[in-house]
Every structure is written in structure tokens, then in C-alpha cells.
Amino acid sequence: MPRVPFPDLVSELHHVLSRQGVPEPRAALVARLFAENQRDGVFSHGLYRFPGFVALLKSGRLDPHAEPVRVGGLGALEQWDGRMGIGLSNAHAAMGRAIELSRQHGLGCVGLRNTNHWMRAGAYGLQAADAGCIGICWTNTIPLMPPWGAAEVAVGNNPLAIAVPRAGGPLLLDMAMSQFANGKLEVFHRQGRELPVAGGFDRAGNLTRQPGEILASRRPMPIGYWKGSALAVMLDAAAALVSGGQTSQQIGRQGTEYAVSQVFIALNVTALAGMDEIEASVNALIEHLHATPPLAPGEPIRYPGEGMLRSRRESLAQGVFVEEGQLEALRNL
């Protein structure tokens, strides 16, 4: 795959969004978030999603001018309405507000309703970590997988992100409740690759590593079997109640995914413990993990987010990986 300098990629995305009428500074923010997803190796929510996002803007399904508004609150807890605006900028604003609340109360929690796809969950956890906070956020989705023991889709894969601040690079967990997120299945399928482990069932009900079979059956495997299924349900309920928004069931009745519910939490651990103590504690944890003997020689144990940081360093030094087809699609846009 060709590599593109990161600033050039941001500039090209910014140019496209500006031509689609996205106002400043929102166009610059959204361009940066898409480019950062690609930079960090999260290809499923970088350029792969960008043409579809532009198509939504053209169709009028997304309101590029909508600003999220506060609709309720109780101390460190607030509810906001995204007013069907751009999901990425709405999520960035909501986590920003959670960080502000954490400066006052030690923690901040914002429930966001009537918003759209935020692309990469981890972006908003990293936003909190960069501000010296532990960031926790999740979203519900349209139903995308069966509850455990069922044959029909009924629950969302409801991605969850947790980020821990660290000067040498944050720890980041970013995962869907399915073994492989739909976006990841689509990337593997497009590239003609088999999954490294079984990721769901084919139409005959057999476990498979073929992403196309799982996309066709619409039966991805929940993480931890019944535990992942139950966690997806609980995240869905919490997102709807904290935000005052819709559940996955209600989103599913719409036919397509929009007006989702999200939660953003910031814990101001830097003010609580101090950065020196955070660094000592997190670095000791990382050293312990790295010292654990690996099962496979030459494959050392990684902490959550370590692979992302490696991709980021390579992208900034050598350029961001962009598939030829994505580069052509971007040129056409």
C-alpha cells in the first residue's frame, strides 16, 4: 500500500469536507479524527468509512451545522442532545464537556442522545487521556448480533473504550461486544483474508473464520460467549438511560442506524493522584506484562494500545498507509 504524509491526508480530507459545506472548525476536527484513525492503523474507521460519510452529508441525513445542546443535568452528570449532527464532532464535544465537569467534581459523565456514528470509540477515550483523565465511553448501535442462544439478530455490538493516561503513550482498550466488529469483518472480507480465529457462524450455524460468511449470516460471535452478549445488553440499557435516548431495539425499528445513545465519562486521576504517581503505577504494570514469558517465541506480550502506538509512530515517520482504491476514491471526492 502507498503511504501518504499525515498532514497531507488531513488536508485532503479537510478540503473534501469544506466543499460539502461542513463549517469551521468542525471540518478541520472531523478531517483530523478520520486521518488519525487511519494513522493509528484503525483502517475500518478511517478512509474505508469516509466515502460513505460524505454520501450521508450529500443526502442530507447528517446536519453539518447542528450543535449539541445540554438538555438536563445533576451535578457531575449531564444529558445532551446531538440534534442529529455529525457523530464525530458531537462525541468530541461530549467528552470535552465530561472533562470540564471532571475539573469541577473529580469526574464528569455526559449522556448524549440523537447522535450519529462516532466512527472510532477509542478517539474519545484518547481525548480524555490526553487531558490527564481516565476516559470511558460507549455507544449502542442498531442490532448487529444475536443474543446468546438465539438465531436472530437482536442486540447491538455496542463498542466500549477505556483509556488510561501515560506520558509515554496511553493504554487503550477499544472493542465491540462481538469478537470482530462489523467494520473489521468488512475490511478482512474486502482484502480476501481469513480471520485469525473463529469470529461467528455461517448460515448453517457452523463456526467460521470466513468474514464473508459471517456478514451473510449476520451472526457474529459475542466476546466471551454469553458474557459478551449480556454485557452488550447492559451497555445498551445504561446508554439509553443515562442519555435519555433510544435503545438498540428502538434504533432497529428505524431500519438504519441513526439517533444512537452514548455515554462519556472522565475521571480526573491526575488531580487525584498526580502525574508522577500515575506514571510509576502504569509503567510498573507495563513492565510486569512485558516480563511475562510469551507462549510463542518472538511474540512479546503487549499492553492494550501498544500496537496502535507502534502504527502511529510508523505513520508519522514514513507516511500513513492508504490502499490504492481508497486513494482513488479520495481523489474522486
Protein backbone atom coordinates (compact mmCIF):
# COMPACT_ATOMS: atom_id res chain seq x y z
CA MET A 1 0.00 0.00 0.00
CA PRO A 2 1.22 3.53 -0.71
CA ARG A 3 1.99 5.89 2.16
CA VAL A 4 0.78 9.47 2.41
CA PRO A 5 2.25 12.10 4.79
CA PHE A 6 -0.15 12.60 7.68
CA PRO A 7 -0.52 16.39 7.24
CA ASP A 8 -1.32 15.86 3.53
CA LEU A 9 -4.01 13.32 4.39
CA VAL A 10 -5.61 15.69 6.90
CA SER A 11 -5.50 18.49 4.33
CA GLU A 12 -7.18 16.42 1.61
CA LEU A 13 -9.97 15.24 3.93
CA HIS A 14 -10.44 18.80 5.17
CA HIS A 15 -10.74 20.02 1.58
CA VAL A 16 -13.48 17.48 0.79
CA LEU A 17 -15.47 18.30 3.92
CA SER A 18 -15.25 22.03 3.30
CA ARG A 19 -16.59 21.54 -0.22
CA GLN A 20 -19.53 19.61 1.29
CA GLY A 21 -20.45 22.61 3.42
CA VAL A 22 -19.13 21.44 6.79
CA PRO A 23 -18.39 24.67 8.69
CA GLU A 24 -15.17 25.51 10.51
CA PRO A 25 -13.77 24.48 12.89
CA ARG A 26 -15.88 21.33 12.56
CA ALA A 27 -14.49 20.39 9.15
CA ALA A 28 -10.94 20.55 10.50
CA LEU A 29 -11.85 18.45 13.56
CA VAL A 30 -13.65 15.74 11.57
CA ALA A 31 -10.84 15.58 8.98
CA ARG A 32 -8.29 15.16 11.77
CA LEU A 33 -10.28 12.40 13.50
CA PHE A 34 -10.69 10.39 10.28
CA ALA A 35 -6.99 10.82 9.47
CA GLU A 36 -5.94 9.84 12.99
CA ASN A 37 -7.95 6.64 12.74
CA GLN A 38 -6.05 5.75 9.56
CA ARG A 39 -2.74 6.89 11.12
CA ASP A 40 -3.23 4.61 14.12
CA GLY A 41 -3.96 1.56 11.98
CA VAL A 42 -7.74 1.56 12.60
CA PHE A 43 -8.44 1.18 8.89
CA SER A 44 -12.03 0.03 9.44
CA HIS A 45 -12.96 3.52 10.67
CA GLY A 46 -10.59 5.66 8.63
CA LEU A 47 -10.67 6.10 4.86
CA TYR A 48 -12.78 2.98 4.48
CA ARG A 49 -15.70 4.85 6.05
CA PHE A 50 -15.02 8.30 4.61
CA PRO A 51 -16.84 8.00 1.23
CA GLY A 52 -19.96 6.71 3.00
CA PHE A 53 -19.76 9.59 5.44
CA VAL A 54 -19.58 12.09 2.56
CA ALA A 55 -22.54 10.35 0.91
CA LEU A 56 -24.58 10.88 4.11
CA LEU A 57 -23.69 14.57 4.03
CA LYS A 58 -24.80 14.82 0.40
CA SER A 59 -28.07 13.02 1.15
CA GLY A 60 -28.99 15.43 3.93
CA ARG A 61 -29.11 12.63 6.53
CA LEU A 62 -26.41 14.42 8.53
CA ASP A 63 -26.82 18.06 9.53
CA PRO A 64 -23.30 19.55 9.36
CA HIS A 65 -24.46 22.71 11.14
CA ALA A 66 -26.19 21.07 14.13
CA GLU A 67 -24.68 21.82 17.55
CA PRO A 68 -25.26 19.52 20.53
CA VAL A 69 -27.26 21.16 23.33
CA ARG A 70 -27.50 20.49 27.06
CA VAL A 71 -30.99 19.28 28.00
CA GLY A 72 -30.57 18.31 31.66
CA GLY A 73 -28.11 17.69 34.43
CA LEU A 74 -27.46 16.87 38.06
CA GLY A 75 -24.03 17.92 39.34
CA ALA A 76 -21.37 15.90 37.54
CA LEU A 77 -23.96 14.17 35.34
CA GLU A 78 -25.41 15.88 32.26
CA GLN A 79 -27.66 14.93 29.34
CA TRP A 80 -27.06 16.38 25.87
CA ASP A 81 -28.97 16.14 22.60
CA GLY A 82 -26.87 15.72 19.45
CA ARG A 83 -29.70 17.04 17.25
CA MET A 84 -28.75 14.55 14.51
CA GLY A 85 -25.46 16.32 13.86
CA ILE A 86 -22.13 14.80 12.86
CA GLY A 87 -21.37 11.93 15.22
CA LEU A 88 -17.62 12.56 15.42
CA SER A 89 -17.89 16.22 16.41
CA ASN A 90 -20.82 15.51 18.77
CA ALA A 91 -18.79 12.83 20.55
CA HIS A 92 -15.73 15.09 20.77
CA ALA A 93 -17.87 17.84 22.32
CA ALA A 94 -19.49 15.43 24.79
CA MET A 95 -16.16 14.04 26.01
CA GLY A 96 -14.84 17.61 26.19
CA ARG A 97 -17.73 18.51 28.46
CA ALA A 98 -17.13 15.40 30.62
CA ILE A 99 -13.51 16.53 31.04
CA GLU A 100 -14.68 20.02 32.06
CA LEU A 101 -17.02 18.50 34.65
CA SER A 102 -14.19 16.36 36.00
CA ARG A 103 -12.21 19.54 36.68
CA GLN A 104 -15.02 20.64 38.99
CA HIS A 105 -16.18 17.37 40.52
CA GLY A 106 -13.32 14.91 40.07
CA LEU A 107 -15.39 13.07 37.50
CA GLY A 108 -17.76 14.01 34.74
CA CYS A 109 -20.39 11.99 32.91
CA VAL A 110 -22.28 13.07 29.80
CA GLY A 111 -25.09 11.12 28.18
CA LEU A 112 -25.57 12.00 24.51
CA ARG A 113 -28.72 11.13 22.55
CA ASN A 114 -29.93 11.68 18.99
CA THR A 115 -26.42 11.47 17.59
CA ASN A 116 -24.81 9.50 14.76
CA HIS A 117 -21.94 7.08 14.19
CA TRP A 118 -18.81 8.30 16.01
CA MET A 119 -16.53 6.07 13.90
CA ARG A 120 -13.75 5.02 16.33
CA ALA A 121 -14.66 4.71 20.00
CA GLY A 122 -11.03 4.96 21.09
CA ALA A 123 -10.67 8.50 19.74
CA TYR A 124 -12.71 9.89 22.61
CA GLY A 125 -11.01 7.77 25.27
CA LEU A 126 -7.69 9.11 23.97
CA GLN A 127 -9.11 12.64 24.14
CA ALA A 128 -9.67 12.15 27.88
CA ALA A 129 -6.26 10.52 28.42
CA ASP A 130 -4.55 13.45 26.67
CA ALA A 131 -6.27 15.68 29.24
CA GLY A 132 -4.88 13.60 32.12
CA CYS A 133 -8.12 11.69 32.76
CA ILE A 134 -9.18 8.09 32.58
CA GLY A 135 -11.69 8.08 29.73
CA ILE A 136 -14.57 5.62 29.46
CA CYS A 137 -17.16 5.78 26.69
CA TRP A 138 -19.54 3.54 24.84
CA THR A 139 -22.35 3.67 22.31
CA ASN A 140 -25.27 1.49 21.39
CA THR A 141 -25.90 0.50 17.79
CA ILE A 142 -28.53 -0.95 15.54
CA PRO A 143 -28.96 -4.68 16.37
CA LEU A 144 -25.96 -6.46 14.84
CA MET A 145 -25.69 -9.82 16.60
CA PRO A 146 -27.94 -12.45 18.18
CA PRO A 147 -28.23 -12.62 21.96
CA TRP A 148 -26.55 -15.78 23.22
CA GLY A 149 -28.57 -18.86 22.29
CA ALA A 150 -30.67 -17.07 19.66
CA ALA A 151 -30.67 -17.45 15.90
CA GLU A 152 -31.83 -13.91 15.06
CA VAL A 153 -30.12 -10.55 15.48
CA ALA A 154 -31.47 -8.61 18.47
CA VAL A 155 -28.63 -6.79 20.29
CA GLY A 156 -26.05 -4.19 19.24
CA ASN A 157 -22.32 -4.80 19.31
CA ASN A 158 -22.12 -1.60 21.42
CA PRO A 159 -18.41 -0.62 21.29
CA LEU A 160 -16.65 0.31 24.55
CA ALA A 161 -13.42 2.27 25.01
CA ILE A 162 -11.29 2.77 28.14
CA ALA A 163 -8.13 4.89 28.07
CA VAL A 164 -5.55 5.45 30.83
CA PRO A 165 -3.19 8.46 30.66
CA ARG A 166 0.57 7.96 30.38
CA ALA A 167 3.34 10.27 29.17
CA GLY A 168 4.89 7.51 27.06
CA GLY A 169 1.58 6.79 25.35
CA PRO A 170 -1.79 5.92 26.87
CA LEU A 171 -3.22 2.48 27.48
CA LEU A 172 -6.28 1.97 25.30
CA LEU A 173 -8.95 -0.69 25.16
CA ASP A 174 -11.28 -0.21 22.19
CA MET A 175 -13.60 -3.08 21.41
CA ALA A 176 -17.01 -4.08 20.19
CA MET A 177 -19.04 -6.70 22.03
CA SER A 178 -18.69 -9.00 19.02
CA GLN A 179 -15.42 -10.90 18.58
CA PHE A 180 -14.83 -8.82 15.44
CA ALA A 181 -16.61 -5.52 14.82
CA ASN A 182 -18.61 -5.31 11.59
CA GLY A 183 -16.10 -2.83 10.19
CA LYS A 184 -13.25 -5.27 10.83
CA LEU A 185 -15.18 -8.10 9.16
CA GLU A 186 -15.75 -5.86 6.13
CA VAL A 187 -12.04 -4.98 5.91
CA PHE A 188 -10.97 -8.65 6.10
CA HIS A 189 -13.60 -9.61 3.52
CA ARG A 190 -12.56 -6.84 1.12
CA GLN A 191 -8.92 -7.90 1.43
CA GLY A 192 -9.77 -11.58 0.89
CA ARG A 193 -8.29 -12.55 4.26
CA GLU A 194 -9.37 -15.22 6.73
CA LEU A 195 -9.93 -14.21 10.36
CA PRO A 196 -7.18 -15.29 12.80
CA VAL A 197 -9.78 -17.05 14.99
CA ALA A 198 -13.42 -18.04 14.53
CA GLY A 199 -15.48 -14.87 14.56
CA GLY A 200 -19.04 -16.09 14.13
CA PHE A 201 -21.35 -18.55 12.44
CA ASP A 202 -22.12 -19.28 8.80
CA ARG A 203 -25.68 -19.68 7.51
CA ALA A 204 -25.67 -23.36 8.50
CA GLY A 205 -24.82 -22.48 12.10
CA ASN A 206 -21.19 -23.61 11.97
CA LEU A 207 -18.33 -21.59 13.49
CA THR A 208 -16.24 -19.99 10.77
CA ARG A 209 -13.21 -17.80 10.16
CA GLN A 210 -14.59 -16.56 6.84
CA PRO A 211 -15.69 -12.93 7.26
CA GLY A 212 -17.98 -13.06 4.22
CA GLU A 213 -19.91 -15.98 5.69
CA ILE A 214 -20.40 -14.11 8.96
CA LEU A 215 -21.55 -10.94 7.20
CA ALA A 216 -24.01 -13.00 5.16
CA SER A 217 -25.42 -14.87 8.17
CA ARG A 218 -25.42 -11.72 10.35
CA ARG A 219 -24.35 -13.91 13.26
CA PRO A 220 -21.03 -12.66 14.69
CA MET A 221 -19.78 -14.30 17.86
CA PRO A 222 -20.15 -12.19 21.03
CA ILE A 223 -16.95 -11.85 23.08
CA GLY A 224 -16.88 -14.36 25.93
CA TYR A 225 -19.96 -16.12 24.54
CA TRP A 226 -22.91 -15.40 26.89
CA LYS A 227 -20.87 -12.88 28.90
CA GLY A 228 -20.32 -10.64 25.90
CA SER A 229 -23.96 -10.91 24.97
CA ALA A 230 -25.03 -9.88 28.48
CA LEU A 231 -22.52 -7.02 28.58
CA ALA A 232 -23.88 -5.70 25.27
CA VAL A 233 -27.39 -5.63 26.74
CA MET A 234 -26.22 -3.82 29.90
CA LEU A 235 -24.26 -1.19 27.94
CA ASP A 236 -27.31 -0.61 25.75
CA ALA A 237 -29.58 -0.11 28.76
CA ALA A 238 -27.10 2.21 30.50
CA ALA A 239 -26.54 4.32 27.36
CA ALA A 240 -30.27 4.80 26.83
CA LEU A 241 -30.98 5.65 30.48
CA VAL A 242 -28.03 8.00 31.03
CA SER A 243 -28.69 9.88 27.79
CA GLY A 244 -32.48 9.68 27.84
CA GLY A 245 -32.22 8.27 24.32
CA GLN A 246 -33.09 5.16 22.34
CA THR A 247 -32.19 1.52 22.96
CA SER A 248 -30.82 -0.72 20.21
CA GLN A 249 -34.30 -2.20 19.82
CA GLN A 250 -35.77 1.23 19.08
CA ILE A 251 -32.90 2.10 16.73
CA GLY A 252 -33.51 -1.15 14.86
CA ARG A 253 -37.13 -0.19 14.16
CA GLN A 254 -35.85 2.75 12.10
CA GLY A 255 -34.28 0.38 9.56
CA THR A 256 -30.93 2.18 9.52
CA GLU A 257 -28.60 3.32 12.28
CA TYR A 258 -29.09 6.88 13.48
CA ALA A 259 -30.21 8.66 16.69
CA VAL A 260 -27.99 6.40 18.82
CA SER A 261 -27.25 6.82 22.54
CA GLN A 262 -23.77 7.29 24.02
CA VAL A 263 -22.03 7.79 27.38
CA PHE A 264 -18.80 9.69 28.08
CA ILE A 265 -17.03 9.52 31.46
CA ALA A 266 -13.85 11.34 32.51
CA LEU A 267 -12.10 10.56 35.81
CA ASN A 268 -9.62 13.26 36.82
CA VAL A 269 -6.94 10.95 38.19
CA THR A 270 -4.15 13.45 37.57
CA ALA A 271 -5.67 15.87 40.08
CA LEU A 272 -6.38 12.99 42.44
CA ALA A 273 -3.03 11.19 42.39
CA GLY A 274 -0.57 13.38 40.47
CA MET A 275 1.13 12.55 37.19
CA ASP A 276 4.26 11.14 38.85
CA GLU A 277 2.25 8.53 40.73
CA ILE A 278 0.26 7.67 37.60
CA GLU A 279 3.45 7.20 35.59
CA ALA A 280 5.05 5.00 38.26
CA SER A 281 1.98 2.80 38.62
CA VAL A 282 1.19 2.39 34.91
CA ASN A 283 4.83 1.87 33.91
CA ALA A 284 5.22 -0.82 36.58
CA LEU A 285 2.17 -2.57 35.19
CA ILE A 286 3.58 -2.43 31.66
CA GLU A 287 6.98 -3.71 32.78
CA HIS A 288 5.28 -6.63 34.51
CA LEU A 289 3.36 -7.53 31.34
CA HIS A 290 6.46 -7.25 29.15
CA ALA A 291 8.39 -9.50 31.54
CA THR A 292 5.82 -12.30 31.20
CA PRO A 293 7.24 -15.14 29.05
CA PRO A 294 5.31 -15.44 25.76
CA LEU A 295 3.89 -18.71 24.52
CA ALA A 296 5.25 -18.06 21.04
CA PRO A 297 8.93 -17.03 20.85
CA GLY A 298 9.40 -13.65 19.24
CA GLU A 299 5.86 -12.51 20.06
CA PRO A 300 6.21 -10.49 23.29
CA ILE A 301 3.20 -9.65 25.42
CA ARG A 302 1.68 -6.27 24.57
CA TYR A 303 -0.32 -3.90 26.72
CA PRO A 304 -3.65 -2.58 25.37
CA GLY A 305 -2.92 0.12 22.81
CA GLU A 306 0.74 -0.78 22.24
CA GLY A 307 0.12 -1.90 18.66
CA MET A 308 -1.77 1.34 17.96
CA LEU A 309 1.13 3.45 19.23
CA ARG A 310 3.57 1.49 17.04
CA SER A 311 1.36 2.10 13.98
CA ARG A 312 1.18 5.78 14.88
CA ARG A 313 4.97 6.13 15.12
CA GLU A 314 5.46 4.39 11.77
CA SER A 315 2.76 6.51 10.12
CA LEU A 316 4.26 9.77 11.34
CA ALA A 317 7.78 8.75 10.33
CA GLN A 318 7.06 7.05 6.99
CA GLY A 319 3.56 8.19 5.99
CA VAL A 320 0.08 6.77 6.54
CA PHE A 321 -0.89 3.54 4.78
CA VAL A 322 -3.65 4.14 2.22
CA GLU A 323 -4.97 1.43 -0.11
CA GLU A 324 -4.83 2.27 -3.82
CA GLY A 325 -8.61 2.04 -4.06
CA GLN A 326 -9.06 4.39 -1.13
CA LEU A 327 -6.61 6.86 -2.63
CA GLU A 328 -8.54 6.80 -5.90
CA ALA A 329 -11.86 7.24 -4.08
CA LEU A 330 -10.41 10.22 -2.21
CA ARG A 331 -9.20 11.76 -5.48
CA ASN A 332 -12.68 11.30 -6.97
CA LEU A 333 -14.26 13.01 -3.95
